[in-house]
N, C-alpha and C. Protein backbone atom coordinates (compact mmCIF):
# COMPACT_ATOMS: atom_id res chain seq x y z
N MET A 1 1.07 -0.79 -0.02
CA MET A 1 -0.06 -0.62 -0.36
C MET A 1 1.08 1.37 0.60
N PRO A 2 1.00 2.26 -1.03
CA PRO A 2 1.48 3.37 -0.88
C PRO A 2 1.32 4.11 0.16
N VAL A 3 1.74 4.64 0.43
CA VAL A 3 1.46 6.32 2.07
C VAL A 3 2.44 6.92 2.01
N CYS A 4 2.38 8.28 2.32
CA CYS A 4 3.64 9.44 2.26
C CYS A 4 2.74 10.83 3.02
N THR A 5 3.97 10.96 4.23
CA THR A 5 3.32 11.89 5.52
C THR A 5 4.62 12.42 5.00
N LEU A 6 3.76 14.02 4.86
CA LEU A 6 4.25 14.70 4.80
C LEU A 6 3.63 16.05 6.53
N GLN A 7 4.84 17.00 6.25
CA GLN A 7 3.76 17.54 7.35
C GLN A 7 5.06 19.11 7.07
N ARG A 8 4.35 20.16 7.21
CA ARG A 8 4.50 21.39 7.28
C ARG A 8 4.06 22.41 8.44
N HIS A 9 5.14 23.49 8.26
CA HIS A 9 4.67 24.47 9.81
C HIS A 9 3.96 25.41 8.72
N VAL A 10 3.06 26.47 8.74
CA VAL A 10 2.77 26.95 8.12
C VAL A 10 2.17 28.19 9.12
N PRO A 11 2.47 30.06 8.64
CA PRO A 11 1.95 31.00 9.88
C PRO A 11 0.80 31.07 10.00
N PHE A 12 -0.30 30.28 10.62
CA PHE A 12 -1.46 30.55 9.93
C PHE A 12 -2.57 30.35 11.09
N SER A 13 -3.34 29.88 11.56
CA SER A 13 -3.82 29.38 12.80
C SER A 13 -4.68 27.57 12.21
N ALA A 14 -4.05 27.00 13.40
CA ALA A 14 -5.08 25.87 12.93
C ALA A 14 -6.22 26.02 12.78
N GLU A 15 -7.52 26.36 13.34
CA GLU A 15 -8.80 26.83 12.53
C GLU A 15 -8.02 27.15 11.39
N GLN A 16 -8.24 28.18 10.99
CA GLN A 16 -7.61 29.10 9.48
C GLN A 16 -6.94 27.47 8.39
N MET A 17 -6.25 27.11 9.13
CA MET A 17 -5.61 25.22 7.92
C MET A 17 -7.24 24.66 8.28
N PHE A 18 -7.49 24.63 9.07
CA PHE A 18 -8.89 23.54 9.12
C PHE A 18 -9.79 23.85 8.14
N ASP A 19 -10.34 25.85 8.64
CA ASP A 19 -11.76 25.06 7.25
C ASP A 19 -10.77 25.33 5.74
N LEU A 20 -10.05 26.09 5.40
CA LEU A 20 -9.76 25.78 4.25
C LEU A 20 -9.83 24.08 3.89
N VAL A 21 -9.23 23.33 4.62
CA VAL A 21 -8.99 22.15 3.81
C VAL A 21 -11.03 21.15 4.56
N ILE A 22 -11.76 21.79 4.93
CA ILE A 22 -13.10 21.00 5.07
C ILE A 22 -13.85 21.34 4.38
N ASP A 23 -13.14 22.73 3.42
CA ASP A 23 -14.20 23.03 2.57
C ASP A 23 -13.86 22.58 0.98
N VAL A 24 -14.14 21.38 0.92
CA VAL A 24 -13.88 20.71 -0.36
C VAL A 24 -14.70 21.09 -1.69
N GLU A 25 -15.56 21.61 -1.46
CA GLU A 25 -16.86 22.14 -2.72
C GLU A 25 -15.74 23.29 -3.45
N ARG A 26 -14.95 23.44 -2.46
CA ARG A 26 -13.98 25.31 -3.39
C ARG A 26 -12.80 24.41 -3.81
N TYR A 27 -12.18 22.74 -3.55
CA TYR A 27 -11.26 22.73 -4.00
C TYR A 27 -10.88 22.80 -5.40
N ARG A 28 -11.58 23.02 -6.20
CA ARG A 28 -11.32 22.83 -7.77
C ARG A 28 -10.87 24.44 -8.46
N GLU A 29 -10.96 25.47 -7.17
CA GLU A 29 -10.81 26.59 -7.48
C GLU A 29 -9.21 26.65 -7.66
N PHE A 30 -8.24 25.29 -6.52
CA PHE A 30 -7.23 26.46 -6.73
C PHE A 30 -5.86 24.56 -7.11
N MET A 31 -6.95 23.92 -6.91
CA MET A 31 -6.46 22.65 -6.80
C MET A 31 -5.48 22.50 -8.61
N PRO A 32 -3.72 22.63 -7.97
CA PRO A 32 -2.65 22.39 -9.36
C PRO A 32 -3.72 21.27 -9.89
N PHE A 33 -4.16 20.20 -9.43
CA PHE A 33 -4.49 19.06 -10.73
C PHE A 33 -5.74 19.17 -10.72
N GLU A 34 -7.13 18.52 -11.93
CA GLU A 34 -8.21 18.31 -11.87
C GLU A 34 -8.92 17.48 -10.58
N PHE A 35 -10.20 18.08 -10.43
CA PHE A 35 -10.75 17.89 -8.85
C PHE A 35 -11.88 18.22 -8.43
N ASP A 36 -13.23 17.64 -8.50
CA ASP A 36 -14.30 17.97 -7.92
C ASP A 36 -14.97 17.22 -6.60
N ALA A 37 -15.90 17.99 -6.02
CA ALA A 37 -16.48 17.88 -5.24
C ALA A 37 -17.81 18.04 -4.57
N HIS A 38 -18.74 16.97 -4.31
CA HIS A 38 -19.97 17.83 -3.87
C HIS A 38 -21.03 16.99 -2.53
N VAL A 39 -20.79 17.87 -1.48
CA VAL A 39 -21.24 17.75 0.10
C VAL A 39 -22.22 16.50 -0.86
N ILE A 40 -22.54 15.64 0.15
CA ILE A 40 -23.62 14.63 0.40
C ILE A 40 -24.56 14.91 0.83
N GLU A 41 -23.83 15.29 2.21
CA GLU A 41 -24.24 14.85 3.50
C GLU A 41 -22.98 16.39 4.64
N ARG A 42 -23.80 16.86 5.24
CA ARG A 42 -23.21 17.14 6.18
C ARG A 42 -23.36 17.88 7.25
N SER A 43 -22.42 17.32 8.80
CA SER A 43 -23.39 17.32 10.00
C SER A 43 -22.60 17.34 10.58
N THR A 44 -22.20 17.64 12.36
CA THR A 44 -21.55 18.79 12.82
C THR A 44 -19.74 18.41 12.78
N ASP A 45 -20.13 17.15 12.69
CA ASP A 45 -18.28 16.94 12.88
C ASP A 45 -18.40 15.73 11.89
N SER A 46 -19.05 15.40 10.75
CA SER A 46 -18.28 14.42 9.64
C SER A 46 -19.49 14.60 7.68
N LEU A 47 -18.64 14.91 7.05
CA LEU A 47 -19.79 14.91 5.85
C LEU A 47 -19.08 13.14 5.02
N LEU A 48 -20.03 13.53 4.29
CA LEU A 48 -20.42 12.94 3.11
C LEU A 48 -19.60 13.79 1.77
N SER A 49 -18.92 12.79 0.34
CA SER A 49 -18.85 13.64 -0.28
C SER A 49 -19.45 12.31 -1.46
N SER A 50 -19.02 13.58 -2.73
CA SER A 50 -18.36 13.08 -3.69
C SER A 50 -17.40 13.40 -4.72
N GLN A 51 -16.84 12.86 -5.32
CA GLN A 51 -15.28 13.29 -5.94
C GLN A 51 -14.94 12.86 -6.31
N ALA A 52 -14.56 13.45 -7.52
CA ALA A 52 -13.77 13.46 -8.83
C ALA A 52 -12.41 13.97 -9.35
N LEU A 53 -11.60 12.75 -9.93
CA LEU A 53 -9.91 13.53 -10.08
C LEU A 53 -9.25 12.64 -10.97
N ARG A 54 -8.40 13.49 -11.52
CA ARG A 54 -7.84 11.70 -12.23
C ARG A 54 -6.11 11.88 -11.42
N ILE A 55 -5.53 10.52 -11.94
CA ILE A 55 -4.23 9.71 -11.76
C ILE A 55 -4.10 10.26 -13.44
N GLY A 56 -2.81 11.02 -13.87
CA GLY A 56 -2.05 10.52 -15.18
C GLY A 56 -4.10 10.84 -16.03
N PRO A 57 -3.75 9.66 -17.12
CA PRO A 57 -5.31 9.68 -17.81
C PRO A 57 -6.65 9.33 -17.10
N VAL A 58 -5.89 8.44 -15.98
CA VAL A 58 -7.68 7.57 -15.46
C VAL A 58 -8.41 9.35 -15.12
N PRO A 59 -9.23 8.90 -15.37
CA PRO A 59 -10.46 10.12 -14.42
C PRO A 59 -11.24 8.50 -13.40
N LEU A 60 -10.96 9.71 -11.49
CA LEU A 60 -11.72 8.17 -10.89
C LEU A 60 -12.94 9.82 -10.32
N LYS A 61 -13.93 8.13 -9.86
CA LYS A 61 -15.45 8.76 -9.28
C LYS A 61 -15.05 8.44 -7.90
N PHE A 62 -15.51 9.01 -6.76
CA PHE A 62 -15.99 7.75 -5.32
C PHE A 62 -15.93 8.70 -5.09
N ASN A 63 -16.81 7.89 -3.27
CA ASN A 63 -17.59 9.18 -3.04
C ASN A 63 -16.98 8.99 -1.09
N THR A 64 -16.66 9.71 -0.11
CA THR A 64 -15.75 10.03 0.61
C THR A 64 -16.49 10.27 2.37
N SER A 65 -15.98 9.82 3.29
CA SER A 65 -16.25 9.71 4.21
C SER A 65 -15.33 10.55 5.38
N ALA A 66 -15.78 11.64 5.63
CA ALA A 66 -14.92 12.37 6.71
C ALA A 66 -15.48 12.98 7.69
N SER A 67 -14.67 12.35 9.17
CA SER A 67 -15.01 12.65 10.51
C SER A 67 -13.75 14.02 11.31
N PHE A 68 -14.51 14.54 11.68
CA PHE A 68 -13.89 16.24 11.99
C PHE A 68 -14.06 16.00 13.73
N HIS A 69 -12.59 17.18 13.40
CA HIS A 69 -12.83 17.89 15.10
C HIS A 69 -12.22 19.04 14.60
N ARG A 70 -12.84 19.75 14.42
CA ARG A 70 -12.15 21.62 14.21
C ARG A 70 -11.63 21.47 16.29
N PRO A 71 -10.21 22.75 15.35
CA PRO A 71 -10.09 22.99 14.87
C PRO A 71 -8.33 21.44 14.59
N ASP A 72 -8.83 20.38 14.92
CA ASP A 72 -7.59 19.38 15.44
C ASP A 72 -7.41 18.42 14.41
N TRP A 73 -8.32 17.89 14.21
CA TRP A 73 -7.77 16.71 13.07
C TRP A 73 -9.43 16.75 12.22
N ILE A 74 -9.01 15.81 10.41
CA ILE A 74 -10.00 15.41 9.72
C ILE A 74 -9.09 14.46 8.75
N ARG A 75 -10.43 13.42 9.10
CA ARG A 75 -10.12 11.87 8.54
C ARG A 75 -10.71 11.73 7.52
N VAL A 76 -10.81 11.19 6.35
CA VAL A 76 -11.29 11.08 4.94
C VAL A 76 -10.76 9.95 4.70
N ILE A 77 -11.95 9.59 4.26
CA ILE A 77 -12.06 7.68 3.81
C ILE A 77 -12.49 7.21 2.72
N SER A 78 -11.90 6.72 2.18
CA SER A 78 -12.89 5.87 0.72
C SER A 78 -13.33 4.36 0.84
N THR A 79 -13.93 3.91 0.25
CA THR A 79 -14.26 1.93 0.05
C THR A 79 -14.16 1.70 -0.76
N GLY A 80 -14.53 2.24 -1.65
CA GLY A 80 -15.40 2.01 -2.72
C GLY A 80 -14.62 2.61 -3.86
N GLY A 81 -15.24 2.29 -5.30
CA GLY A 81 -14.93 2.36 -6.62
C GLY A 81 -13.97 2.11 -7.25
N PRO A 82 -13.21 3.37 -7.34
CA PRO A 82 -11.38 2.86 -7.61
C PRO A 82 -10.39 2.22 -6.21
N PHE A 83 -10.61 2.55 -5.13
CA PHE A 83 -9.77 2.40 -4.25
C PHE A 83 -10.27 1.22 -3.23
N LYS A 84 -9.44 0.18 -2.94
CA LYS A 84 -10.08 -0.67 -2.29
C LYS A 84 -9.56 -0.39 -0.85
N TYR A 85 -8.90 0.92 -0.51
CA TYR A 85 -9.08 1.89 0.77
C TYR A 85 -8.57 3.16 0.06
N PHE A 86 -8.43 4.64 0.70
CA PHE A 86 -8.25 5.29 0.28
C PHE A 86 -8.52 6.58 1.87
N LEU A 87 -7.30 6.81 1.69
CA LEU A 87 -7.34 7.84 3.49
C LEU A 87 -6.69 9.18 3.69
N ILE A 88 -7.28 9.79 3.98
CA ILE A 88 -6.85 10.94 4.25
C ILE A 88 -6.45 11.72 5.76
N ALA A 89 -5.59 12.05 6.04
CA ALA A 89 -5.64 11.86 7.30
C ALA A 89 -5.50 13.26 8.19
N TRP A 90 -6.10 13.90 8.10
CA TRP A 90 -5.05 15.85 8.84
C TRP A 90 -4.62 16.30 9.85
N SER A 91 -3.65 16.56 10.06
CA SER A 91 -3.56 17.58 11.47
C SER A 91 -3.43 18.26 11.75
N PHE A 92 -3.61 19.23 12.74
CA PHE A 92 -3.88 20.92 13.04
C PHE A 92 -2.60 20.50 14.11
N THR A 93 -1.91 21.07 14.40
CA THR A 93 -1.32 22.30 15.37
C THR A 93 -0.69 23.40 15.54
N SER A 94 -1.68 23.71 16.49
CA SER A 94 -0.12 25.33 16.97
C SER A 94 1.03 25.24 17.46
N GLN A 95 1.01 25.88 16.69
CA GLN A 95 2.77 26.58 16.83
C GLN A 95 2.81 27.67 16.97
N GLY A 96 3.12 28.10 18.51
CA GLY A 96 3.46 29.52 18.46
C GLY A 96 2.51 30.68 17.64
N GLN A 97 3.05 31.42 16.15
CA GLN A 97 2.50 32.35 15.88
C GLN A 97 1.81 31.04 14.65
N GLY A 98 1.87 30.21 14.37
CA GLY A 98 1.21 29.04 13.36
C GLY A 98 1.32 27.46 14.06
N CYS A 99 0.92 27.22 12.59
CA CYS A 99 0.78 25.56 13.38
C CYS A 99 1.94 24.94 12.30
N ASP A 100 1.44 23.55 13.14
CA ASP A 100 2.09 22.88 11.30
C ASP A 100 1.00 21.65 11.52
N ILE A 101 1.16 21.08 9.97
CA ILE A 101 -0.27 21.11 8.88
C ILE A 101 0.21 20.38 8.75
N ARG A 102 -0.15 18.57 9.30
CA ARG A 102 0.38 17.06 9.15
C ARG A 102 -0.77 16.33 7.61
N ALA A 103 -0.65 16.04 6.89
CA ALA A 103 -1.26 14.87 5.99
C ALA A 103 -0.45 14.01 5.32
N ARG A 104 -1.16 12.92 5.72
CA ARG A 104 -0.20 12.06 5.68
C ARG A 104 -1.76 10.72 4.52
N VAL A 105 -1.32 10.05 3.43
CA VAL A 105 -2.18 10.05 2.66
C VAL A 105 -1.61 8.02 2.43
N GLU A 106 -3.03 7.32 2.43
CA GLU A 106 -2.75 6.30 2.14
C GLU A 106 -3.62 5.31 1.59
N CYS A 107 -3.53 4.71 0.12
CA CYS A 107 -4.02 4.00 -0.85
C CYS A 107 -3.99 2.83 -1.43
N THR A 108 -5.37 1.88 -1.46
CA THR A 108 -5.18 0.91 -2.18
C THR A 108 -5.92 0.70 -2.90
N ALA A 109 -5.34 0.48 -4.47
CA ALA A 109 -6.68 0.28 -5.39
C ALA A 109 -7.35 -0.63 -6.10
N GLY A 110 -8.48 -0.75 -5.92
CA GLY A 110 -8.95 -1.18 -5.86
C GLY A 110 -9.27 -2.82 -7.62
N SER A 111 -8.26 -1.94 -8.82
CA SER A 111 -8.13 -3.30 -9.78
C SER A 111 -6.66 -3.09 -9.70
N SER A 112 -5.97 -4.31 -10.48
CA SER A 112 -4.74 -4.60 -11.04
C SER A 112 -3.97 -3.21 -11.64
N LEU A 113 -4.94 -2.68 -12.51
CA LEU A 113 -4.99 -2.02 -13.58
C LEU A 113 -4.30 -0.62 -13.15
N LEU A 114 -5.27 0.00 -12.01
CA LEU A 114 -4.61 1.36 -11.53
C LEU A 114 -3.54 1.09 -9.80
N ALA A 115 -3.38 -0.23 -9.94
CA ALA A 115 -2.55 -0.30 -8.31
C ALA A 115 -1.18 0.33 -9.34
N PRO A 116 -0.24 0.13 -10.15
CA PRO A 116 1.12 0.59 -10.90
C PRO A 116 1.02 2.22 -10.99
N LEU A 117 -0.36 3.02 -11.11
CA LEU A 117 -0.47 4.10 -10.73
C LEU A 117 -0.32 4.78 -9.28
N LEU A 118 -0.62 3.94 -8.64
CA LEU A 118 -1.03 4.66 -7.26
C LEU A 118 0.66 4.94 -6.62
N THR A 119 1.50 4.30 -7.13
CA THR A 119 3.28 4.62 -5.73
C THR A 119 3.49 5.91 -5.97
N PRO A 120 4.30 6.20 -7.71
CA PRO A 120 4.62 7.26 -8.05
C PRO A 120 3.03 8.65 -7.31
N TRP A 121 1.93 8.31 -7.53
CA TRP A 121 1.20 9.05 -7.59
C TRP A 121 1.13 10.06 -6.53
N VAL A 122 0.65 8.99 -5.67
CA VAL A 122 0.73 8.96 -3.29
C VAL A 122 1.93 10.42 -3.44
N GLU A 123 2.18 9.99 -3.47
CA GLU A 123 4.00 11.07 -2.64
C GLU A 123 3.22 11.93 -3.69
N ALA A 124 3.31 12.47 -4.56
CA ALA A 124 3.49 13.69 -6.04
C ALA A 124 1.67 14.19 -5.53
N PHE A 125 0.77 13.86 -5.71
CA PHE A 125 -0.45 13.94 -4.75
C PHE A 125 -0.20 14.39 -3.39
N THR A 126 0.74 14.30 -2.11
CA THR A 126 0.69 15.01 -1.21
C THR A 126 1.18 16.14 -1.01
N ARG A 127 2.59 16.16 -1.95
CA ARG A 127 3.47 17.39 -2.26
C ARG A 127 1.81 17.94 -2.77
N ASP A 128 1.87 18.16 -3.59
CA ASP A 128 0.56 18.90 -4.78
C ASP A 128 -0.30 19.31 -3.33
N LEU A 129 -0.84 18.12 -2.47
CA LEU A 129 -2.26 19.12 -1.66
C LEU A 129 -0.98 19.72 -0.44
N ILE A 130 -0.56 20.09 -0.10
CA ILE A 130 0.55 19.92 0.59
C ILE A 130 0.31 22.01 0.19
N SER A 131 1.13 22.03 -0.39
CA SER A 131 1.73 22.86 -0.68
C SER A 131 0.18 23.86 -1.82
N ALA A 132 -1.05 23.59 -2.22
CA ALA A 132 -1.87 24.37 -2.29
C ALA A 132 -2.71 24.38 -1.55
N PHE A 133 -2.58 23.67 -0.08
CA PHE A 133 -3.60 24.51 0.96
C PHE A 133 -2.15 26.05 1.71
N GLU A 134 -1.39 25.69 1.56
CA GLU A 134 -0.05 26.95 2.16
C GLU A 134 -0.31 27.50 0.90
N LYS A 135 -0.58 27.40 -0.05
CA LYS A 135 -0.67 29.00 -0.96
C LYS A 135 -2.00 29.73 -1.31
N ARG A 136 -3.12 28.84 -0.93
CA ARG A 136 -4.35 29.11 -1.20
C ARG A 136 -4.62 29.76 0.76
N ALA A 137 -4.03 29.58 1.44
CA ALA A 137 -3.83 29.86 2.82
C ALA A 137 -3.10 31.63 2.48
N ALA A 138 -2.28 31.83 1.68
CA ALA A 138 -2.09 32.72 2.07
C ALA A 138 -2.21 34.10 0.95
N GLU A 139 -3.30 33.85 0.28
CA GLU A 139 -4.16 34.45 -0.55
C GLU A 139 -5.46 34.62 0.43
N THR A 140 -5.40 34.01 0.33
CA THR A 140 -6.76 33.75 1.81
C THR A 140 -6.05 34.78 2.62
N TYR A 141 -5.17 34.95 4.00
CA TYR A 141 -4.84 35.41 5.26
C TYR A 141 -4.53 36.22 5.08
N THR A 142 -3.49 36.50 4.40
CA THR A 142 -2.54 37.23 4.37
C THR A 142 -2.93 38.86 3.30
N ARG A 143 -2.65 39.92 4.41
CA ARG A 143 -2.84 41.34 4.20
C ARG A 143 -2.11 41.88 3.20
N ASN A 144 -1.93 42.51 2.18
CA ASN A 144 -1.19 43.26 1.21
C ASN A 144 -1.05 45.01 2.22
């Protein structure tokens, strides 16, 4: 199972970073890869969404279930569609004037055709995901 964990310190609060990450319907505005999401159901500590993204030439559509505790963590899981198992575990830890954000991505393909694409994709996806949120936070929360 391909796994990648990255951590970065950002000059924004845990609450600010949490708010950006939980707002999945706005990802299409700033992600560096093709992505779309629609929230199906939302409660005070969970949400269900349908998502679509692309791994190279392969379009993927799947549903996710997210549980969260604001502003500390978000856990996104999918066990259907193209993935046997897909997880993004986010944590946000206040540190001085900012916070540490940590993203762990785990992924197992649901088919042998998709499996060879996942190992290189997971690391690039995780890196691009963290970078996209750093850039979005700077654009959203930094005043000129």
